[in-house]
Amino acid sequence: YLADLSLQAGLVVDALGLYHSACETLRAIGDLLWVGASEEGLCSASAILLYPHLRESETLHRNTSLQDGKC
């Protein structure tokens, strides 16, 4: 849960470490459902770090072919 909250808060590096710790702990106790969930979070955090340019939002441009309501 803490890794998910860290990722939502934008603390990607912290979330990455927490997901890694969770994977190791959950794998040791044999809880495969939560291992899958923590690996999914690990993939998400890794993708955010590997592809930072995908987080940039594109600005919307006004379509100049539209009229301002004048006929």
PDB file of N, CA and C in Angstrom:
ATOM      1  N   TYR A   1       0.814  -1.191   0.000  1.00  0.00           N
ATOM      2  CA  TYR A   1       0.000   0.000   0.000  1.00  0.00           C
ATOM      3  C   TYR A   1       0.862   1.261   0.000  1.00  0.00           C
ATOM      4  N   LEU A   2       1.952   1.213   0.753  1.00  0.00           N
ATOM      5  CA  LEU A   2       2.815   2.381   0.862  1.00  0.00           C
ATOM      6  C   LEU A   2       3.474   2.700  -0.481  1.00  0.00           C
ATOM      7  N   ALA A   3       3.825   1.679  -1.237  1.00  0.00           N
ATOM      8  CA  ALA A   3       4.414   1.893  -2.560  1.00  0.00           C
ATOM      9  C   ALA A   3       3.400   2.522  -3.508  1.00  0.00           C
ATOM     10  N   ASP A   4       2.160   2.069  -3.456  1.00  0.00           N
ATOM     11  CA  ASP A   4       1.108   2.656  -4.289  1.00  0.00           C
ATOM     12  C   ASP A   4       0.895   4.121  -3.953  1.00  0.00           C
ATOM     13  N   LEU A   5       0.863   4.434  -2.671  1.00  0.00           N
ATOM     14  CA  LEU A   5       0.674   5.825  -2.250  1.00  0.00           C
ATOM     15  C   LEU A   5       1.860   6.692  -2.643  1.00  0.00           C
ATOM     16  N   SER A   6       3.061   6.142  -2.542  1.00  0.00           N
ATOM     17  CA  SER A   6       4.255   6.893  -2.950  1.00  0.00           C
ATOM     18  C   SER A   6       4.230   7.183  -4.440  1.00  0.00           C
ATOM     19  N   LEU A   7       3.791   6.222  -5.226  1.00  0.00           N
ATOM     20  CA  LEU A   7       3.714   6.420  -6.674  1.00  0.00           C
ATOM     21  C   LEU A   7       2.673   7.477  -7.018  1.00  0.00           C
ATOM     22  N   GLN A   8       1.543   7.445  -6.338  1.00  0.00           N
ATOM     23  CA  GLN A   8       0.499   8.441  -6.576  1.00  0.00           C
ATOM     24  C   GLN A   8       0.950   9.835  -6.158  1.00  0.00           C
ATOM     25  N   ALA A   9       1.824   9.910  -5.159  1.00  0.00           N
ATOM     26  CA  ALA A   9       2.316  11.195  -4.681  1.00  0.00           C
ATOM     27  C   ALA A   9       3.457  11.728  -5.543  1.00  0.00           C
ATOM     28  N   GLY A  10       3.913  10.935  -6.516  1.00  0.00           N
ATOM     29  CA  GLY A  10       4.986  11.371  -7.399  1.00  0.00           C
ATOM     30  C   GLY A  10       6.375  11.014  -6.909  1.00  0.00           C
ATOM     31  N   LEU A  11       6.480  10.224  -5.859  1.00  0.00           N
ATOM     32  CA  LEU A  11       7.770   9.793  -5.325  1.00  0.00           C
ATOM     33  C   LEU A  11       8.151   8.477  -5.978  1.00  0.00           C
ATOM     34  N   VAL A  12       8.545   8.559  -7.239  1.00  0.00           N
ATOM     35  CA  VAL A  12       8.724   7.358  -8.062  1.00  0.00           C
ATOM     36  C   VAL A  12       9.893   6.511  -7.572  1.00  0.00           C
ATOM     37  N   VAL A  13      11.001   7.137  -7.208  1.00  0.00           N
ATOM     38  CA  VAL A  13      12.174   6.380  -6.766  1.00  0.00           C
ATOM     39  C   VAL A  13      11.880   5.655  -5.458  1.00  0.00           C
ATOM     40  N   ASP A  14      11.191   6.322  -4.547  1.00  0.00           N
ATOM     41  CA  ASP A  14      10.807   5.671  -3.294  1.00  0.00           C
ATOM     42  C   ASP A  14       9.848   4.509  -3.557  1.00  0.00           C
ATOM     43  N   ALA A  15       8.898   4.722  -4.453  1.00  0.00           N
ATOM     44  CA  ALA A  15       7.937   3.670  -4.794  1.00  0.00           C
ATOM     45  C   ALA A  15       8.642   2.463  -5.404  1.00  0.00           C
ATOM     46  N   LEU A  16       9.642   2.728  -6.220  1.00  0.00           N
ATOM     47  CA  LEU A  16      10.388   1.633  -6.858  1.00  0.00           C
ATOM     48  C   LEU A  16      11.047   0.751  -5.800  1.00  0.00           C
ATOM     49  N   GLY A  17      11.668   1.364  -4.816  1.00  0.00           N
ATOM     50  CA  GLY A  17      12.290   0.604  -3.733  1.00  0.00           C
ATOM     51  C   GLY A  17      11.270  -0.158  -2.898  1.00  0.00           C
ATOM     52  N   LEU A  18      10.144   0.474  -2.622  1.00  0.00           N
ATOM     53  CA  LEU A  18       9.107  -0.187  -1.833  1.00  0.00           C
ATOM     54  C   LEU A  18       8.487  -1.363  -2.579  1.00  0.00           C
ATOM     55  N   TYR A  19       8.263  -1.200  -3.878  1.00  0.00           N
ATOM     56  CA  TYR A  19       7.736  -2.322  -4.672  1.00  0.00           C
ATOM     57  C   TYR A  19       8.724  -3.478  -4.706  1.00  0.00           C
ATOM     58  N   HIS A  20      10.001  -3.162  -4.825  1.00  0.00           N
ATOM     59  CA  HIS A  20      11.027  -4.215  -4.862  1.00  0.00           C
ATOM     60  C   HIS A  20      11.048  -4.978  -3.531  1.00  0.00           C
ATOM     61  N   SER A  21      10.997  -4.252  -2.426  1.00  0.00           N
ATOM     62  CA  SER A  21      10.974  -4.900  -1.109  1.00  0.00           C
ATOM     63  C   SER A  21       9.723  -5.758  -0.946  1.00  0.00           C
ATOM     64  N   ALA A  22       8.600  -5.243  -1.412  1.00  0.00           N
ATOM     65  CA  ALA A  22       7.347  -6.002  -1.314  1.00  0.00           C
ATOM     66  C   ALA A  22       7.421  -7.281  -2.132  1.00  0.00           C
ATOM     67  N   CYS A  23       8.009  -7.208  -3.323  1.00  0.00           N
ATOM     68  CA  CYS A  23       8.135  -8.414  -4.162  1.00  0.00           C
ATOM     69  C   CYS A  23       8.938  -9.496  -3.450  1.00  0.00           C
ATOM     70  N   GLU A  24      10.057  -9.095  -2.860  1.00  0.00           N
ATOM     71  CA  GLU A  24      10.895 -10.071  -2.163  1.00  0.00           C
ATOM     72  C   GLU A  24      10.179 -10.677  -0.958  1.00  0.00           C
ATOM     73  N   THR A  25       9.532  -9.836  -0.169  1.00  0.00           N
ATOM     74  CA  THR A  25       8.838 -10.315   1.028  1.00  0.00           C
ATOM     75  C   THR A  25       7.674 -11.225   0.674  1.00  0.00           C
ATOM     76  N   LEU A  26       6.871 -10.798  -0.290  1.00  0.00           N
ATOM     77  CA  LEU A  26       5.696 -11.591  -0.661  1.00  0.00           C
ATOM     78  C   LEU A  26       6.077 -12.890  -1.356  1.00  0.00           C
ATOM     79  N   ARG A  27       7.156 -12.876  -2.115  1.00  0.00           N
ATOM     80  CA  ARG A  27       7.611 -14.107  -2.752  1.00  0.00           C
ATOM     81  C   ARG A  27       8.086 -15.102  -1.693  1.00  0.00           C
ATOM     82  N   ALA A  28       8.717 -14.602  -0.622  1.00  0.00           N
ATOM     83  CA  ALA A  28       9.203 -15.470   0.448  1.00  0.00           C
ATOM     84  C   ALA A  28       8.064 -16.145   1.205  1.00  0.00           C
ATOM     85  N   ILE A  29       6.941 -15.462   1.350  1.00  0.00           N
ATOM     86  CA  ILE A  29       5.823 -16.076   2.078  1.00  0.00           C
ATOM     87  C   ILE A  29       4.863 -16.816   1.141  1.00  0.00           C
ATOM     88  N   GLY A  30       5.072 -16.688  -0.169  1.00  0.00           N
ATOM     89  CA  GLY A  30       4.294 -17.472  -1.125  1.00  0.00           C
ATOM     90  C   GLY A  30       2.947 -16.900  -1.492  1.00  0.00           C
ATOM     91  N   ASP A  31       2.759 -15.605  -1.308  1.00  0.00           N
ATOM     92  CA  ASP A  31       1.482 -14.969  -1.662  1.00  0.00           C
ATOM     93  C   ASP A  31       1.561 -14.480  -3.111  1.00  0.00           C
ATOM     94  N   LEU A  32       1.190 -15.357  -4.029  1.00  0.00           N
ATOM     95  CA  LEU A  32       1.381 -15.069  -5.451  1.00  0.00           C
ATOM     96  C   LEU A  32       0.477 -13.975  -5.984  1.00  0.00           C
ATOM     97  N   LEU A  33      -0.704 -13.812  -5.406  1.00  0.00           N
ATOM     98  CA  LEU A  33      -1.603 -12.755  -5.861  1.00  0.00           C
ATOM     99  C   LEU A  33      -0.992 -11.381  -5.607  1.00  0.00           C
ATOM    100  N   TRP A  34      -0.475 -11.171  -4.398  1.00  0.00           N
ATOM    101  CA  TRP A  34       0.119  -9.880  -4.067  1.00  0.00           C
ATOM    102  C   TRP A  34       1.483  -9.699  -4.715  1.00  0.00           C
ATOM    103  N   VAL A  35       2.180 -10.801  -5.014  1.00  0.00           N
ATOM    104  CA  VAL A  35       3.439 -10.693  -5.771  1.00  0.00           C
ATOM    105  C   VAL A  35       3.146 -10.115  -7.146  1.00  0.00           C
ATOM    106  N   GLY A  36       2.088 -10.601  -7.772  1.00  0.00           N
ATOM    107  CA  GLY A  36       1.697 -10.076  -9.080  1.00  0.00           C
ATOM    108  C   GLY A  36       1.341  -8.606  -9.027  1.00  0.00           C
ATOM    109  N   ALA A  37       0.640  -8.207  -7.971  1.00  0.00           N
ATOM    110  CA  ALA A  37       0.264  -6.804  -7.827  1.00  0.00           C
ATOM    111  C   ALA A  37       1.487  -5.926  -7.603  1.00  0.00           C
ATOM    112  N   SER A  38       2.428  -6.406  -6.813  1.00  0.00           N
ATOM    113  CA  SER A  38       3.637  -5.608  -6.564  1.00  0.00           C
ATOM    114  C   SER A  38       4.531  -5.558  -7.800  1.00  0.00           C
ATOM    115  N   GLU A  39       4.547  -6.616  -8.589  1.00  0.00           N
ATOM    116  CA  GLU A  39       5.322  -6.578  -9.830  1.00  0.00           C
ATOM    117  C   GLU A  39       4.682  -5.637 -10.855  1.00  0.00           C
ATOM    118  N   GLU A  40       3.363  -5.553 -10.838  1.00  0.00           N
ATOM    119  CA  GLU A  40       2.681  -4.600 -11.709  1.00  0.00           C
ATOM    120  C   GLU A  40       3.068  -3.164 -11.332  1.00  0.00           C
ATOM    121  N   GLY A  41       3.099  -2.884 -10.049  1.00  0.00           N
ATOM    122  CA  GLY A  41       3.524  -1.571  -9.590  1.00  0.00           C
ATOM    123  C   GLY A  41       4.986  -1.306  -9.908  1.00  0.00           C
ATOM    124  N   LEU A  42       5.807  -2.329  -9.798  1.00  0.00           N
ATOM    125  CA  LEU A  42       7.222  -2.215 -10.139  1.00  0.00           C
ATOM    126  C   LEU A  42       7.394  -1.871 -11.612  1.00  0.00           C
ATOM    127  N   CYS A  43       6.603  -2.481 -12.468  1.00  0.00           N
ATOM    128  CA  CYS A  43       6.646  -2.171 -13.902  1.00  0.00           C
ATOM    129  C   CYS A  43       6.189  -0.745 -14.174  1.00  0.00           C
ATOM    130  N   SER A  44       5.153  -0.314 -13.477  1.00  0.00           N
ATOM    131  CA  SER A  44       4.653   1.050 -13.667  1.00  0.00           C
ATOM    132  C   SER A  44       5.688   2.082 -13.245  1.00  0.00           C
ATOM    133  N   ALA A  45       6.295   1.880 -12.087  1.00  0.00           N
ATOM    134  CA  ALA A  45       7.314   2.815 -11.609  1.00  0.00           C
ATOM    135  C   ALA A  45       8.533   2.808 -12.524  1.00  0.00           C
ATOM    136  N   SER A  46       8.909   1.646 -13.013  1.00  0.00           N
ATOM    137  CA  SER A  46      10.050   1.557 -13.928  1.00  0.00           C
ATOM    138  C   SER A  46       9.761   2.282 -15.235  1.00  0.00           C
ATOM    139  N   ALA A  47       8.556   2.127 -15.751  1.00  0.00           N
ATOM    140  CA  ALA A  47       8.198   2.796 -17.004  1.00  0.00           C
ATOM    141  C   ALA A  47       8.207   4.310 -16.840  1.00  0.00           C
ATOM    142  N   ILE A  48       7.776   4.797 -15.683  1.00  0.00           N
ATOM    143  CA  ILE A  48       7.786   6.236 -15.444  1.00  0.00           C
ATOM    144  C   ILE A  48       9.221   6.757 -15.431  1.00  0.00           C
ATOM    145  N   LEU A  49      10.136   5.993 -14.854  1.00  0.00           N
ATOM    146  CA  LEU A  49      11.533   6.431 -14.809  1.00  0.00           C
ATOM    147  C   LEU A  49      12.221   6.286 -16.160  1.00  0.00           C
ATOM    148  N   LEU A  50      11.887   5.244 -16.895  1.00  0.00           N
ATOM    149  CA  LEU A  50      12.552   4.997 -18.181  1.00  0.00           C
ATOM    150  C   LEU A  50      12.066   5.919 -19.290  1.00  0.00           C
ATOM    151  N   TYR A  51      10.815   6.343 -19.224  1.00  0.00           N
ATOM    152  CA  TYR A  51      10.232   7.162 -20.285  1.00  0.00           C
ATOM    153  C   TYR A  51       9.650   8.449 -19.705  1.00  0.00           C
ATOM    154  N   PRO A  52      10.498   9.346 -19.236  1.00  0.00           N
ATOM    155  CA  PRO A  52       9.980  10.579 -18.610  1.00  0.00           C
ATOM    156  C   PRO A  52       9.295  11.515 -19.597  1.00  0.00           C
ATOM    157  N   HIS A  53       9.647  11.411 -20.883  1.00  0.00           N
ATOM    158  CA  HIS A  53       9.039  12.289 -21.881  1.00  0.00           C
ATOM    159  C   HIS A  53       7.569  11.973 -22.128  1.00  0.00           C
ATOM    160  N   LEU A  54       7.108  10.813 -21.729  1.00  0.00           N
ATOM    161  CA  LEU A  54       5.703  10.456 -21.921  1.00  0.00           C
ATOM    162  C   LEU A  54       4.799  11.118 -20.891  1.00  0.00           C
ATOM    163  N   ARG A  55       5.376  11.674 -19.820  1.00  0.00           N
ATOM    164  CA  ARG A  55       4.576  12.342 -18.800  1.00  0.00           C
ATOM    165  C   ARG A  55       4.269  13.780 -19.173  1.00  0.00           C
ATOM    166  N   GLU A  56       4.958  14.319 -20.165  1.00  0.00           N
ATOM    167  CA  GLU A  56       4.712  15.699 -20.558  1.00  0.00           C
ATOM    168  C   GLU A  56       3.374  15.796 -21.271  1.00  0.00           C
ATOM    169  N   SER A  57       2.587  16.752 -20.868  1.00  0.00           N
ATOM    170  CA  SER A  57       1.288  16.910 -21.517  1.00  0.00           C
ATOM    171  C   SER A  57       1.432  17.869 -22.696  1.00  0.00           C
ATOM    172  N   GLU A  58       0.710  17.573 -23.726  1.00  0.00           N
ATOM    173  CA  GLU A  58       0.734  18.430 -24.902  1.00  0.00           C
ATOM    174  C   GLU A  58      -0.264  19.569 -24.704  1.00  0.00           C
ATOM    175  N   THR A  59       0.128  20.745 -25.153  1.00  0.00           N
ATOM    176  CA  THR A  59      -0.794  21.870 -25.047  1.00  0.00           C
ATOM    177  C   THR A  59      -1.785  21.824 -26.202  1.00  0.00           C
ATOM    178  N   LEU A  60      -2.977  22.265 -25.931  1.00  0.00           N
ATOM    179  CA  LEU A  60      -4.005  22.292 -26.955  1.00  0.00           C
ATOM    180  C   LEU A  60      -3.904  23.600 -27.731  1.00  0.00           C
ATOM    181  N   HIS A  61      -4.019  23.504 -29.040  1.00  0.00           N
ATOM    182  CA  HIS A  61      -3.956  24.685 -29.888  1.00  0.00           C
ATOM    183  C   HIS A  61      -5.329  24.957 -30.475  1.00  0.00           C
ATOM    184  N   ARG A  62      -5.635  26.208 -30.619  1.00  0.00           N
ATOM    185  CA  ARG A  62      -6.930  26.601 -31.168  1.00  0.00           C
ATOM    186  C   ARG A  62      -6.930  26.358 -32.664  1.00  0.00           C
ATOM    187  N   ASN A  63      -8.005  25.821 -33.148  1.00  0.00           N
ATOM    188  CA  ASN A  63      -8.158  25.582 -34.571  1.00  0.00           C
ATOM    189  C   ASN A  63      -8.490  26.915 -35.243  1.00  0.00           C
ATOM    190  N   THR A  64      -7.580  27.420 -36.066  1.00  0.00           N
ATOM    191  CA  THR A  64      -7.769  28.739 -36.673  1.00  0.00           C
ATOM    192  C   THR A  64      -8.806  28.731 -37.786  1.00  0.00           C
ATOM    193  N   SER A  65      -9.225  27.561 -38.226  1.00  0.00           N
ATOM    194  CA  SER A  65     -10.225  27.525 -39.299  1.00  0.00           C
ATOM    195  C   SER A  65     -11.637  27.790 -38.761  1.00  0.00           C
ATOM    196  N   LEU A  66     -11.814  27.740 -37.453  1.00  0.00           N
ATOM    197  CA  LEU A  66     -13.121  28.033 -36.866  1.00  0.00           C
ATOM    198  C   LEU A  66     -13.324  29.538 -36.761  1.00  0.00           C
ATOM    199  N   GLN A  67     -14.534  29.958 -37.003  1.00  0.00           N
ATOM    200  CA  GLN A  67     -14.867  31.385 -36.919  1.00  0.00           C
ATOM    201  C   GLN A  67     -15.234  31.746 -35.478  1.00  0.00           C
ATOM    202  N   ASP A  68     -15.176  33.021 -35.159  1.00  0.00           N
ATOM    203  CA  ASP A  68     -15.537  33.491 -33.839  1.00  0.00           C
ATOM    204  C   ASP A  68     -17.040  33.727 -33.688  1.00  0.00           C
ATOM    205  N   GLY A  69     -17.849  33.152 -34.510  1.00  0.00           N
ATOM    206  CA  GLY A  69     -19.288  33.340 -34.452  1.00  0.00           C
ATOM    207  C   GLY A  69     -19.774  34.386 -35.463  1.00  0.00           C
ATOM    208  N   LYS A  70     -18.878  34.925 -36.261  1.00  0.00           N
ATOM    209  CA  LYS A  70     -19.267  35.910 -37.276  1.00  0.00           C
ATOM    210  C   LYS A  70     -19.622  35.185 -38.559  1.00  0.00           C
ATOM    211  N   CYS A  71     -20.685  35.592 -39.191  1.00  0.00           N
ATOM    212  CA  CYS A  71     -21.118  34.943 -40.424  1.00  0.00           C
ATOM    213  C   CYS A  71     -20.763  35.775 -41.628  1.00  0.00           C
TER     214      CYS A  71
END
